[in-house]
Amino acid sequence: MTKADLVENVTARIAQTAGPTISKKDCARVVDAFLDAIKDALQEQKNIEVRGFGTFKIRQRKTRMARNPRTGSPVEVSARPVPVFKPSKELRAMVAGIDIANLDDHDDDDYES
């Protein structure tokens, strides 16, 4: 799904529930603003939690040794922050087609992204 598809989908859902009260252009601005807010928060090293959806976090990746695929020589990759997404228990259950009542309470603790 592209961002244009997302805007189309959101606009259609709003039209179903509230009538044609928002234009596609306005909906695109809302989607862009939402994504920009997430980017800005991650850039400031903040976590974003969207209940029922998941959490966007910044993790520190350690320094490691890698190989240049062309020459095979070892190359040191420096430590750096990377964005990660941890889906909520509800989202994981929905994607897996599992009823949320069947999930174990400890399942969320065992998952690391």
N, C-alpha and C. Protein backbone atom coordinates (compact mmCIF):
# COMPACT_ATOMS: atom_id res chain seq x y z
N MET A 1 0.85 -1.17 0.00
CA MET A 1 0.00 0.00 0.00
C MET A 1 0.89 1.23 0.00
N THR A 2 0.63 2.15 -0.89
CA THR A 2 1.38 3.39 -0.96
C THR A 2 0.69 4.46 -0.11
N LYS A 3 1.36 5.60 0.04
CA LYS A 3 0.75 6.68 0.80
C LYS A 3 -0.53 7.17 0.11
N ALA A 4 -0.53 7.20 -1.22
CA ALA A 4 -1.72 7.60 -1.96
C ALA A 4 -2.88 6.63 -1.70
N ASP A 5 -2.56 5.33 -1.65
CA ASP A 5 -3.58 4.32 -1.33
C ASP A 5 -4.11 4.53 0.09
N LEU A 6 -3.21 4.85 1.01
CA LEU A 6 -3.61 5.11 2.40
C LEU A 6 -4.55 6.30 2.48
N VAL A 7 -4.22 7.37 1.78
CA VAL A 7 -5.08 8.57 1.76
C VAL A 7 -6.45 8.21 1.19
N GLU A 8 -6.46 7.46 0.11
CA GLU A 8 -7.72 7.03 -0.52
C GLU A 8 -8.56 6.21 0.46
N ASN A 9 -7.91 5.28 1.15
CA ASN A 9 -8.60 4.42 2.11
C ASN A 9 -9.17 5.22 3.27
N VAL A 10 -8.38 6.13 3.83
CA VAL A 10 -8.83 6.94 4.95
C VAL A 10 -9.99 7.85 4.52
N THR A 11 -9.86 8.46 3.36
CA THR A 11 -10.93 9.32 2.86
C THR A 11 -12.22 8.54 2.69
N ALA A 12 -12.14 7.33 2.15
CA ALA A 12 -13.32 6.49 1.95
C ALA A 12 -13.96 6.10 3.29
N ARG A 13 -13.13 5.78 4.29
CA ARG A 13 -13.68 5.41 5.61
C ARG A 13 -14.36 6.59 6.29
N ILE A 14 -13.78 7.77 6.16
CA ILE A 14 -14.40 8.96 6.75
C ILE A 14 -15.73 9.24 6.05
N ALA A 15 -15.75 9.08 4.73
CA ALA A 15 -16.98 9.32 3.96
C ALA A 15 -18.08 8.35 4.37
N GLN A 16 -17.72 7.11 4.73
CA GLN A 16 -18.71 6.11 5.16
C GLN A 16 -19.34 6.49 6.49
N THR A 17 -18.55 7.00 7.41
CA THR A 17 -19.05 7.26 8.75
C THR A 17 -19.58 8.67 8.94
N ALA A 18 -18.94 9.66 8.33
CA ALA A 18 -19.33 11.05 8.58
C ALA A 18 -19.84 11.75 7.34
N GLY A 19 -19.94 11.04 6.24
CA GLY A 19 -20.34 11.69 5.00
C GLY A 19 -19.14 12.34 4.34
N PRO A 20 -19.33 12.87 3.15
CA PRO A 20 -18.20 13.47 2.43
C PRO A 20 -17.80 14.83 3.02
N THR A 21 -17.29 14.78 4.25
CA THR A 21 -16.95 16.03 4.94
C THR A 21 -15.51 16.44 4.77
N ILE A 22 -14.66 15.58 4.24
CA ILE A 22 -13.25 15.91 4.09
C ILE A 22 -12.82 15.58 2.66
N SER A 23 -12.07 16.50 2.09
CA SER A 23 -11.59 16.26 0.73
C SER A 23 -10.36 15.37 0.78
N LYS A 24 -10.04 14.81 -0.38
CA LYS A 24 -8.84 13.96 -0.46
C LYS A 24 -7.59 14.77 -0.16
N LYS A 25 -7.58 16.02 -0.59
CA LYS A 25 -6.43 16.90 -0.36
C LYS A 25 -6.23 17.16 1.14
N ASP A 26 -7.34 17.42 1.85
CA ASP A 26 -7.26 17.63 3.30
C ASP A 26 -6.83 16.35 4.02
N CYS A 27 -7.35 15.24 3.56
CA CYS A 27 -6.98 13.95 4.17
C CYS A 27 -5.48 13.68 3.96
N ALA A 28 -4.97 14.03 2.79
CA ALA A 28 -3.55 13.85 2.52
C ALA A 28 -2.72 14.71 3.45
N ARG A 29 -3.20 15.91 3.76
CA ARG A 29 -2.50 16.77 4.71
C ARG A 29 -2.48 16.16 6.10
N VAL A 30 -3.58 15.55 6.50
CA VAL A 30 -3.65 14.90 7.82
C VAL A 30 -2.68 13.72 7.88
N VAL A 31 -2.68 12.89 6.84
CA VAL A 31 -1.77 11.74 6.81
C VAL A 31 -0.32 12.22 6.83
N ASP A 32 0.00 13.24 6.03
CA ASP A 32 1.36 13.79 6.02
C ASP A 32 1.75 14.35 7.38
N ALA A 33 0.83 15.05 8.01
CA ALA A 33 1.11 15.63 9.33
C ALA A 33 1.35 14.54 10.37
N PHE A 34 0.57 13.47 10.31
CA PHE A 34 0.73 12.33 11.23
C PHE A 34 2.11 11.70 11.03
N LEU A 35 2.47 11.44 9.79
CA LEU A 35 3.78 10.82 9.52
C LEU A 35 4.92 11.75 9.90
N ASP A 36 4.76 13.04 9.65
CA ASP A 36 5.80 14.00 10.04
C ASP A 36 5.96 14.07 11.56
N ALA A 37 4.85 13.97 12.28
CA ALA A 37 4.92 13.98 13.75
C ALA A 37 5.70 12.76 14.25
N ILE A 38 5.49 11.61 13.64
CA ILE A 38 6.23 10.40 14.02
C ILE A 38 7.72 10.59 13.70
N LYS A 39 8.03 11.09 12.52
CA LYS A 39 9.43 11.31 12.13
C LYS A 39 10.12 12.29 13.07
N ASP A 40 9.43 13.38 13.39
CA ASP A 40 10.02 14.39 14.28
C ASP A 40 10.30 13.81 15.67
N ALA A 41 9.35 13.04 16.19
CA ALA A 41 9.54 12.45 17.52
C ALA A 41 10.71 11.46 17.51
N LEU A 42 10.82 10.64 16.47
CA LEU A 42 11.93 9.69 16.38
C LEU A 42 13.26 10.43 16.23
N GLN A 43 13.25 11.51 15.50
CA GLN A 43 14.47 12.29 15.33
C GLN A 43 14.93 12.87 16.67
N GLU A 44 13.98 13.18 17.56
CA GLU A 44 14.29 13.69 18.89
C GLU A 44 14.50 12.56 19.90
N GLN A 45 14.63 11.32 19.40
CA GLN A 45 14.88 10.14 20.23
C GLN A 45 13.72 9.83 21.19
N LYS A 46 12.51 10.17 20.81
CA LYS A 46 11.33 9.89 21.63
C LYS A 46 10.61 8.66 21.10
N ASN A 47 9.95 7.93 21.99
CA ASN A 47 9.11 6.80 21.60
C ASN A 47 7.70 7.29 21.32
N ILE A 48 7.02 6.63 20.39
CA ILE A 48 5.63 6.94 20.07
C ILE A 48 4.81 5.68 20.28
N GLU A 49 3.82 5.76 21.14
CA GLU A 49 2.96 4.61 21.42
C GLU A 49 1.56 4.92 20.92
N VAL A 50 1.07 4.08 20.00
CA VAL A 50 -0.30 4.19 19.51
C VAL A 50 -1.02 2.95 20.02
N ARG A 51 -1.86 3.13 21.03
CA ARG A 51 -2.55 2.00 21.66
C ARG A 51 -3.34 1.20 20.64
N GLY A 52 -3.21 -0.11 20.71
CA GLY A 52 -3.91 -0.99 19.78
C GLY A 52 -3.20 -1.15 18.45
N PHE A 53 -2.14 -0.38 18.21
CA PHE A 53 -1.41 -0.47 16.95
C PHE A 53 0.03 -0.89 17.18
N GLY A 54 0.77 -0.12 18.00
CA GLY A 54 2.15 -0.49 18.27
C GLY A 54 2.97 0.69 18.75
N THR A 55 4.27 0.45 18.88
CA THR A 55 5.19 1.46 19.40
C THR A 55 6.35 1.64 18.44
N PHE A 56 6.64 2.90 18.13
CA PHE A 56 7.82 3.25 17.35
C PHE A 56 8.89 3.66 18.36
N LYS A 57 10.08 3.07 18.24
CA LYS A 57 11.17 3.36 19.18
C LYS A 57 12.46 3.59 18.41
N ILE A 58 13.43 4.14 19.15
CA ILE A 58 14.80 4.25 18.64
C ILE A 58 15.64 3.28 19.46
N ARG A 59 16.37 2.42 18.76
CA ARG A 59 17.28 1.49 19.42
C ARG A 59 18.70 1.82 19.00
N GLN A 60 19.64 1.59 19.91
CA GLN A 60 21.05 1.78 19.60
C GLN A 60 21.59 0.47 19.04
N ARG A 61 22.06 0.49 17.82
CA ARG A 61 22.69 -0.68 17.22
C ARG A 61 24.17 -0.63 17.57
N LYS A 62 24.72 -1.74 18.01
CA LYS A 62 26.12 -1.79 18.44
C LYS A 62 27.07 -1.79 17.24
N THR A 63 28.32 -1.43 17.52
CA THR A 63 29.36 -1.52 16.51
C THR A 63 29.56 -2.99 16.18
N ARG A 64 29.75 -3.28 14.89
CA ARG A 64 29.92 -4.68 14.49
C ARG A 64 30.85 -4.76 13.29
N MET A 65 31.33 -5.94 13.06
CA MET A 65 32.18 -6.19 11.90
C MET A 65 31.30 -6.77 10.78
N ALA A 66 31.50 -6.25 9.59
CA ALA A 66 30.78 -6.74 8.41
C ALA A 66 31.80 -7.00 7.31
N ARG A 67 31.33 -7.46 6.18
CA ARG A 67 32.22 -7.73 5.05
C ARG A 67 31.75 -6.93 3.85
N ASN A 68 32.73 -6.39 3.15
CA ASN A 68 32.43 -5.73 1.88
C ASN A 68 32.05 -6.83 0.90
N PRO A 69 30.84 -6.82 0.33
CA PRO A 69 30.42 -7.92 -0.55
C PRO A 69 31.24 -8.00 -1.85
N ARG A 70 31.79 -6.90 -2.27
CA ARG A 70 32.55 -6.89 -3.51
C ARG A 70 33.96 -7.46 -3.32
N THR A 71 34.63 -7.05 -2.23
CA THR A 71 36.02 -7.48 -2.02
C THR A 71 36.16 -8.56 -0.96
N GLY A 72 35.19 -8.69 -0.08
CA GLY A 72 35.28 -9.68 0.99
C GLY A 72 36.08 -9.20 2.19
N SER A 73 36.61 -7.98 2.13
CA SER A 73 37.42 -7.48 3.23
C SER A 73 36.51 -7.05 4.40
N PRO A 74 37.00 -7.24 5.64
CA PRO A 74 36.20 -6.85 6.80
C PRO A 74 36.09 -5.32 6.92
N VAL A 75 34.91 -4.87 7.33
CA VAL A 75 34.65 -3.44 7.48
C VAL A 75 33.93 -3.25 8.81
N GLU A 76 34.36 -2.24 9.58
CA GLU A 76 33.68 -1.97 10.84
C GLU A 76 32.49 -1.05 10.59
N VAL A 77 31.32 -1.48 11.05
CA VAL A 77 30.11 -0.67 10.95
C VAL A 77 29.91 -0.03 12.31
N SER A 78 29.89 1.30 12.35
CA SER A 78 29.83 2.01 13.63
C SER A 78 28.45 1.91 14.28
N ALA A 79 28.43 2.14 15.58
CA ALA A 79 27.17 2.14 16.34
C ALA A 79 26.31 3.30 15.85
N ARG A 80 25.00 3.08 15.83
CA ARG A 80 24.10 4.14 15.38
C ARG A 80 22.68 3.86 15.86
N PRO A 81 21.89 4.90 15.99
CA PRO A 81 20.49 4.69 16.35
C PRO A 81 19.69 4.25 15.13
N VAL A 82 18.75 3.33 15.33
CA VAL A 82 17.89 2.87 14.24
C VAL A 82 16.44 2.88 14.73
N PRO A 83 15.50 3.23 13.85
CA PRO A 83 14.09 3.18 14.24
C PRO A 83 13.58 1.74 14.16
N VAL A 84 12.76 1.37 15.12
CA VAL A 84 12.13 0.05 15.12
C VAL A 84 10.65 0.21 15.44
N PHE A 85 9.86 -0.76 15.00
CA PHE A 85 8.44 -0.77 15.28
C PHE A 85 8.09 -2.08 15.97
N LYS A 86 7.41 -1.98 17.10
CA LYS A 86 6.95 -3.16 17.82
C LYS A 86 5.43 -3.16 17.77
N PRO A 87 4.84 -4.10 17.03
CA PRO A 87 3.38 -4.12 16.94
C PRO A 87 2.74 -4.49 18.28
N SER A 88 1.53 -4.00 18.50
CA SER A 88 0.81 -4.33 19.72
C SER A 88 0.34 -5.77 19.67
N LYS A 89 -0.04 -6.28 20.81
CA LYS A 89 -0.57 -7.63 20.90
C LYS A 89 -1.80 -7.77 20.01
N GLU A 90 -2.65 -6.75 20.01
CA GLU A 90 -3.88 -6.79 19.21
C GLU A 90 -3.57 -6.84 17.71
N LEU A 91 -2.60 -6.05 17.27
CA LEU A 91 -2.24 -6.03 15.85
C LEU A 91 -1.63 -7.37 15.43
N ARG A 92 -0.75 -7.90 16.27
CA ARG A 92 -0.15 -9.21 15.94
C ARG A 92 -1.21 -10.29 15.85
N ALA A 93 -2.19 -10.26 16.76
CA ALA A 93 -3.27 -11.25 16.74
C ALA A 93 -4.12 -11.09 15.48
N MET A 94 -4.40 -9.85 15.11
CA MET A 94 -5.22 -9.59 13.93
C MET A 94 -4.54 -10.10 12.66
N VAL A 95 -3.24 -9.84 12.54
CA VAL A 95 -2.49 -10.28 11.37
C VAL A 95 -2.42 -11.80 11.32
N ALA A 96 -2.27 -12.44 12.48
CA ALA A 96 -2.17 -13.89 12.54
C ALA A 96 -3.54 -14.57 12.46
N GLY A 97 -4.61 -13.78 12.56
CA GLY A 97 -5.95 -14.36 12.51
C GLY A 97 -6.32 -15.08 13.78
N ILE A 98 -5.76 -14.64 14.91
CA ILE A 98 -6.00 -15.27 16.21
C ILE A 98 -6.94 -14.39 17.02
N ASP A 99 -7.84 -15.02 17.76
CA ASP A 99 -8.71 -14.28 18.66
C ASP A 99 -7.86 -13.76 19.81
N ILE A 100 -8.01 -12.48 20.14
CA ILE A 100 -7.20 -11.83 21.17
C ILE A 100 -7.35 -12.51 22.52
N ALA A 101 -8.47 -13.12 22.80
CA ALA A 101 -8.70 -13.80 24.07
C ALA A 101 -7.81 -15.04 24.22
N ASN A 102 -7.32 -15.58 23.09
CA ASN A 102 -6.49 -16.79 23.13
C ASN A 102 -5.01 -16.49 23.35
N LEU A 103 -4.63 -15.22 23.34
CA LEU A 103 -3.22 -14.88 23.52
C LEU A 103 -2.81 -15.01 24.98
N ASP A 104 -1.59 -15.47 25.19
CA ASP A 104 -1.03 -15.60 26.53
C ASP A 104 -0.58 -14.23 27.02
N ASP A 105 -0.75 -13.92 28.30
CA ASP A 105 -0.34 -12.63 28.85
C ASP A 105 1.16 -12.41 28.73
N HIS A 106 1.96 -13.46 28.72
CA HIS A 106 3.41 -13.32 28.68
C HIS A 106 3.93 -13.21 27.26
N ASP A 107 3.06 -13.35 26.27
CA ASP A 107 3.46 -13.31 24.88
C ASP A 107 4.11 -11.98 24.53
N ASP A 108 3.60 -10.88 25.07
CA ASP A 108 4.12 -9.56 24.75
C ASP A 108 5.54 -9.37 25.29
N ASP A 109 5.84 -9.99 26.44
CA ASP A 109 7.17 -9.84 27.06
C ASP A 109 8.24 -10.57 26.28
N ASP A 110 7.87 -11.67 25.60
CA ASP A 110 8.85 -12.49 24.90
C ASP A 110 9.23 -11.91 23.55
N TYR A 111 8.47 -11.00 23.02
CA TYR A 111 8.69 -10.48 21.67
C TYR A 111 9.67 -9.31 21.72
N GLU A 112 10.72 -9.39 20.96
CA GLU A 112 11.68 -8.30 20.80
C GLU A 112 11.89 -8.09 19.31
N SER A 113 11.82 -6.84 18.87
CA SER A 113 12.06 -6.56 17.46
C SER A 113 13.43 -6.00 17.25
